Amino acid sequence: LIDCYVRQDTVSGMVRWLYDLYERTRDTAAVQFFMEANFMQDVILDEFEAEGNLRGYQLPIMPDKRKKPDKLQRIEAVSPLWERGFVFYNEKLKESPDMQTGIEQTLALERGSRIHDDAPDADEGAIWMLQRNSRQESFQPVFGKRPTAKNIW
């Protein structure tokens, strides 16, 4: 997890943070923005458009249209990735209140809990996108001298 925004805030506060994130990372990383399709409503999109007009560009926000099972089931389904050490947190942000809140939400997650679960829900969505769009393959490299081609020009 490179960075996160886990706080109760206004829509415009969240939108400003996303634009700031893009501006901090655009020269070093390709950032993709996904938002649950049910959140891509006019009010929220209007905030993105207004901030984009102020900054002179629009963020390329994509809708996450997947049909999702129960939130807790989705998060529990990817929890072995944390348990097996495949999820990493940016150590530079270990003192960040957002990062600490996100970790607290993840550790406290259980059915019936009244603790917010926005961070683990967002993490599950990011993991789903990453797993859908990438694949890790194992292969054994072969070393040796390449044979000379028979039909050389």
C-alpha atoms as a PDB file:
ATOM      1  CA  LEU A   1       0.000   0.000   0.000  1.00  0.00           C
ATOM      2  CA  ILE A   2       1.769   3.102  -1.220  1.00  0.00           C
ATOM      3  CA  ASP A   3      -0.533   5.740   0.239  1.00  0.00           C
ATOM      4  CA  CYS A   4      -4.063   6.031   1.575  1.00  0.00           C
ATOM      5  CA  TYR A   5      -6.716   8.514   2.603  1.00  0.00           C
ATOM      6  CA  VAL A   6      -8.712   7.064   5.487  1.00  0.00           C
ATOM      7  CA  ARG A   7     -10.645   9.803   7.240  1.00  0.00           C
ATOM      8  CA  GLN A   8     -14.081  11.267   7.620  1.00  0.00           C
ATOM      9  CA  ASP A   9     -14.045  14.291   5.326  1.00  0.00           C
ATOM     10  CA  THR A  10     -16.031  16.189   2.752  1.00  0.00           C
ATOM     11  CA  VAL A  11     -16.198  15.024  -0.848  1.00  0.00           C
ATOM     12  CA  SER A  12     -14.182  18.063  -1.915  1.00  0.00           C
ATOM     13  CA  GLY A  13     -11.469  17.192   0.653  1.00  0.00           C
ATOM     14  CA  MET A  14     -11.193  13.672  -0.762  1.00  0.00           C
ATOM     15  CA  VAL A  15     -11.124  14.979  -4.332  1.00  0.00           C
ATOM     16  CA  ARG A  16      -8.337  17.477  -3.535  1.00  0.00           C
ATOM     17  CA  TRP A  17      -6.314  14.673  -1.920  1.00  0.00           C
ATOM     18  CA  LEU A  18      -6.676  12.470  -5.021  1.00  0.00           C
ATOM     19  CA  TYR A  19      -5.517  15.295  -7.281  1.00  0.00           C
ATOM     20  CA  ASP A  20      -2.575  15.928  -4.927  1.00  0.00           C
ATOM     21  CA  LEU A  21      -1.720  12.204  -5.018  1.00  0.00           C
ATOM     22  CA  TYR A  22      -1.748  12.255  -8.803  1.00  0.00           C
ATOM     23  CA  GLU A  23       0.519  15.309  -8.880  1.00  0.00           C
ATOM     24  CA  ARG A  24       2.961  13.718  -6.402  1.00  0.00           C
ATOM     25  CA  THR A  25       3.224  10.472  -8.367  1.00  0.00           C
ATOM     26  CA  ARG A  26       2.594  11.249 -12.038  1.00  0.00           C
ATOM     27  CA  ASP A  27       6.294  11.464 -12.947  1.00  0.00           C
ATOM     28  CA  THR A  28       7.198   8.169 -11.289  1.00  0.00           C
ATOM     29  CA  ALA A  29       4.142   5.921 -11.545  1.00  0.00           C
ATOM     30  CA  ALA A  30       1.063   5.255 -13.631  1.00  0.00           C
ATOM     31  CA  VAL A  31      -1.869   5.836 -11.305  1.00  0.00           C
ATOM     32  CA  GLN A  32      -5.300   4.437 -12.116  1.00  0.00           C
ATOM     33  CA  PHE A  33      -8.379   5.732 -10.342  1.00  0.00           C
ATOM     34  CA  PHE A  34     -11.379   3.474  -9.812  1.00  0.00           C
ATOM     35  CA  MET A  35     -14.532   4.337  -7.942  1.00  0.00           C
ATOM     36  CA  GLU A  36     -17.494   2.162  -7.135  1.00  0.00           C
ATOM     37  CA  ALA A  37     -20.033   2.787  -9.870  1.00  0.00           C
ATOM     38  CA  ASN A  38     -22.744   3.588  -7.334  1.00  0.00           C
ATOM     39  CA  PHE A  39     -20.544   6.433  -6.026  1.00  0.00           C
ATOM     40  CA  MET A  40     -20.013   7.876  -9.487  1.00  0.00           C
ATOM     41  CA  GLN A  41     -23.018  10.087  -9.090  1.00  0.00           C
ATOM     42  CA  ASP A  42     -23.431  13.588 -10.407  1.00  0.00           C
ATOM     43  CA  VAL A  43     -22.615  15.247  -7.074  1.00  0.00           C
ATOM     44  CA  ILE A  44     -19.274  13.481  -6.721  1.00  0.00           C
ATOM     45  CA  LEU A  45     -18.392  13.782 -10.397  1.00  0.00           C
ATOM     46  CA  ASP A  46     -19.232  17.495 -10.222  1.00  0.00           C
ATOM     47  CA  GLU A  47     -16.630  17.860  -7.450  1.00  0.00           C
ATOM     48  CA  PHE A  48     -14.000  16.109  -9.596  1.00  0.00           C
ATOM     49  CA  GLU A  49     -14.872  18.297 -12.569  1.00  0.00           C
ATOM     50  CA  ALA A  50     -14.714  21.505 -10.494  1.00  0.00           C
ATOM     51  CA  GLU A  51     -11.295  20.592  -9.049  1.00  0.00           C
ATOM     52  CA  GLY A  52     -10.110  19.560 -12.504  1.00  0.00           C
ATOM     53  CA  ASN A  53     -11.188  22.905 -13.926  1.00  0.00           C
ATOM     54  CA  LEU A  54      -9.173  24.681 -11.212  1.00  0.00           C
ATOM     55  CA  ARG A  55      -6.081  22.575 -11.931  1.00  0.00           C
ATOM     56  CA  GLY A  56      -6.425  22.520 -15.702  1.00  0.00           C
ATOM     57  CA  TYR A  57      -6.907  18.770 -16.206  1.00  0.00           C
ATOM     58  CA  GLN A  58      -9.352  16.006 -15.310  1.00  0.00           C
ATOM     59  CA  LEU A  59      -8.480  12.805 -13.472  1.00  0.00           C
ATOM     60  CA  PRO A  60      -9.243   9.695 -15.539  1.00  0.00           C
ATOM     61  CA  ILE A  61     -11.657   8.032 -13.121  1.00  0.00           C
ATOM     62  CA  MET A  62     -12.969   4.623 -14.121  1.00  0.00           C
ATOM     63  CA  PRO A  63     -16.092   3.023 -12.659  1.00  0.00           C
ATOM     64  CA  ASP A  64     -15.777  -0.284 -10.812  1.00  0.00           C
ATOM     65  CA  LYS A  65     -18.881  -1.995 -12.187  1.00  0.00           C
ATOM     66  CA  ARG A  66     -18.270  -5.503 -10.922  1.00  0.00           C
ATOM     67  CA  LYS A  67     -21.065  -7.360  -9.208  1.00  0.00           C
ATOM     68  CA  LYS A  68     -19.802  -7.738  -5.676  1.00  0.00           C
ATOM     69  CA  PRO A  69     -20.708 -10.307  -3.055  1.00  0.00           C
ATOM     70  CA  ASP A  70     -20.997  -9.315   0.607  1.00  0.00           C
ATOM     71  CA  LYS A  71     -18.275  -6.863   1.662  1.00  0.00           C
ATOM     72  CA  LEU A  72     -17.053  -8.944   4.592  1.00  0.00           C
ATOM     73  CA  GLN A  73     -16.888 -12.091   2.440  1.00  0.00           C
ATOM     74  CA  ARG A  74     -14.808 -10.269  -0.185  1.00  0.00           C
ATOM     75  CA  ILE A  75     -12.380  -8.937   2.413  1.00  0.00           C
ATOM     76  CA  GLU A  76     -12.102 -12.309   4.178  1.00  0.00           C
ATOM     77  CA  ALA A  77     -11.418 -13.973   0.823  1.00  0.00           C
ATOM     78  CA  VAL A  78      -8.232 -11.925   0.353  1.00  0.00           C
ATOM     79  CA  SER A  79      -7.174 -11.933   4.032  1.00  0.00           C
ATOM     80  CA  PRO A  80      -4.750 -14.854   3.475  1.00  0.00           C
ATOM     81  CA  LEU A  81      -2.640 -12.453   1.406  1.00  0.00           C
ATOM     82  CA  TRP A  82      -2.013 -10.415   4.576  1.00  0.00           C
ATOM     83  CA  GLU A  83      -1.442 -13.562   6.638  1.00  0.00           C
ATOM     84  CA  ARG A  84       1.082 -14.913   4.135  1.00  0.00           C
ATOM     85  CA  GLY A  85       2.966 -11.616   3.921  1.00  0.00           C
ATOM     86  CA  PHE A  86       1.981 -10.563   0.400  1.00  0.00           C
ATOM     87  CA  VAL A  87       0.542  -7.168   1.403  1.00  0.00           C
ATOM     88  CA  PHE A  88       3.089  -4.472   2.183  1.00  0.00           C
ATOM     89  CA  TYR A  89       2.626  -1.028   3.696  1.00  0.00           C
ATOM     90  CA  ASN A  90       4.776   1.985   2.892  1.00  0.00           C
ATOM     91  CA  GLU A  91       7.131   2.173   5.856  1.00  0.00           C
ATOM     92  CA  LYS A  92       7.688   5.888   5.249  1.00  0.00           C
ATOM     93  CA  LEU A  93       4.046   6.473   6.197  1.00  0.00           C
ATOM     94  CA  LYS A  94       3.954   4.348   9.344  1.00  0.00           C
ATOM     95  CA  GLU A  95       3.294   7.478  11.447  1.00  0.00           C
ATOM     96  CA  SER A  96       0.577   8.730   9.091  1.00  0.00           C
ATOM     97  CA  PRO A  97      -2.828   8.889  10.806  1.00  0.00           C
ATOM     98  CA  ASP A  98      -4.446   7.636   7.584  1.00  0.00           C
ATOM     99  CA  MET A  99      -2.163   4.602   7.371  1.00  0.00           C
ATOM    100  CA  GLN A 100      -2.619   3.832  11.075  1.00  0.00           C
ATOM    101  CA  THR A 101      -6.405   4.127  10.781  1.00  0.00           C
ATOM    102  CA  GLY A 102      -6.415   1.848   7.745  1.00  0.00           C
ATOM    103  CA  ILE A 103      -4.391  -0.802   9.545  1.00  0.00           C
ATOM    104  CA  GLU A 104      -6.612  -0.516  12.634  1.00  0.00           C
ATOM    105  CA  GLN A 105      -9.719  -0.985  10.484  1.00  0.00           C
ATOM    106  CA  THR A 106      -8.202  -4.043   8.823  1.00  0.00           C
ATOM    107  CA  LEU A 107      -7.172  -5.659  12.110  1.00  0.00           C
ATOM    108  CA  ALA A 108     -10.515  -4.919  13.798  1.00  0.00           C
ATOM    109  CA  LEU A 109     -12.658  -6.232  10.963  1.00  0.00           C
ATOM    110  CA  GLU A 110     -15.218  -8.808  12.032  1.00  0.00           C
ATOM    111  CA  ARG A 111     -18.891  -9.461  11.456  1.00  0.00           C
ATOM    112  CA  GLY A 112     -21.083  -7.215  13.591  1.00  0.00           C
ATOM    113  CA  SER A 113     -18.292  -4.735  14.312  1.00  0.00           C
ATOM    114  CA  ARG A 114     -19.257  -1.058  14.336  1.00  0.00           C
ATOM    115  CA  ILE A 115     -15.771   0.041  13.262  1.00  0.00           C
ATOM    116  CA  HIS A 116     -15.540   1.615   9.815  1.00  0.00           C
ATOM    117  CA  ASP A 117     -14.385  -0.793   7.120  1.00  0.00           C
ATOM    118  CA  ASP A 118     -13.663   1.599   4.262  1.00  0.00           C
ATOM    119  CA  ALA A 119      -9.906   0.920   4.194  1.00  0.00           C
ATOM    120  CA  PRO A 120     -10.064  -2.897   3.984  1.00  0.00           C
ATOM    121  CA  ASP A 121     -12.892  -2.561   1.446  1.00  0.00           C
ATOM    122  CA  ALA A 122     -10.754  -0.288  -0.728  1.00  0.00           C
ATOM    123  CA  ASP A 123      -7.746  -2.592  -0.280  1.00  0.00           C
ATOM    124  CA  GLU A 124      -9.822  -5.573  -1.429  1.00  0.00           C
ATOM    125  CA  GLY A 125     -10.879  -3.644  -4.524  1.00  0.00           C
ATOM    126  CA  ALA A 126      -7.277  -2.722  -5.315  1.00  0.00           C
ATOM    127  CA  ILE A 127      -6.128  -6.326  -4.827  1.00  0.00           C
ATOM    128  CA  TRP A 128      -8.923  -7.535  -7.111  1.00  0.00           C
ATOM    129  CA  MET A 129      -7.882  -5.043  -9.809  1.00  0.00           C
ATOM    130  CA  LEU A 130      -4.210  -5.980  -9.499  1.00  0.00           C
ATOM    131  CA  GLN A 131      -4.912  -9.698  -9.656  1.00  0.00           C
ATOM    132  CA  ARG A 132      -7.209  -9.236 -12.626  1.00  0.00           C
ATOM    133  CA  ASN A 133      -4.668  -7.188 -14.565  1.00  0.00           C
ATOM    134  CA  SER A 134      -1.425  -8.934 -13.711  1.00  0.00           C
ATOM    135  CA  ARG A 135      -0.110 -12.419 -13.394  1.00  0.00           C
ATOM    136  CA  GLN A 136       3.020 -13.674 -11.757  1.00  0.00           C
ATOM    137  CA  GLU A 137       4.597 -16.510 -13.669  1.00  0.00           C
ATOM    138  CA  SER A 138       7.360 -18.827 -12.607  1.00  0.00           C
ATOM    139  CA  PHE A 139       9.931 -19.747 -15.173  1.00  0.00           C
ATOM    140  CA  GLN A 140      13.413 -21.169 -15.209  1.00  0.00           C
ATOM    141  CA  PRO A 141      15.829 -19.115 -17.286  1.00  0.00           C
ATOM    142  CA  VAL A 142      18.014 -21.040 -19.707  1.00  0.00           C
ATOM    143  CA  PHE A 143      21.657 -20.083 -20.013  1.00  0.00           C
ATOM    144  CA  GLY A 144      23.991 -21.194 -22.737  1.00  0.00           C
ATOM    145  CA  LYS A 145      25.517 -20.328 -26.062  1.00  0.00           C
ATOM    146  CA  ARG A 146      23.090 -19.542 -28.815  1.00  0.00           C
ATOM    147  CA  PRO A 147      23.576 -21.799 -31.849  1.00  0.00           C
ATOM    148  CA  THR A 148      24.643 -20.131 -35.079  1.00  0.00           C
ATOM    149  CA  ALA A 149      21.790 -19.705 -37.516  1.00  0.00           C
ATOM    150  CA  LYS A 150      22.017 -21.830 -40.682  1.00  0.00           C
ATOM    151  CA  ASN A 151      20.530 -19.221 -42.967  1.00  0.00           C
ATOM    152  CA  ILE A 152      22.457 -16.060 -42.275  1.00  0.00           C
ATOM    153  CA  TRP A 153      22.366 -13.219 -44.745  1.00  0.00           C
END
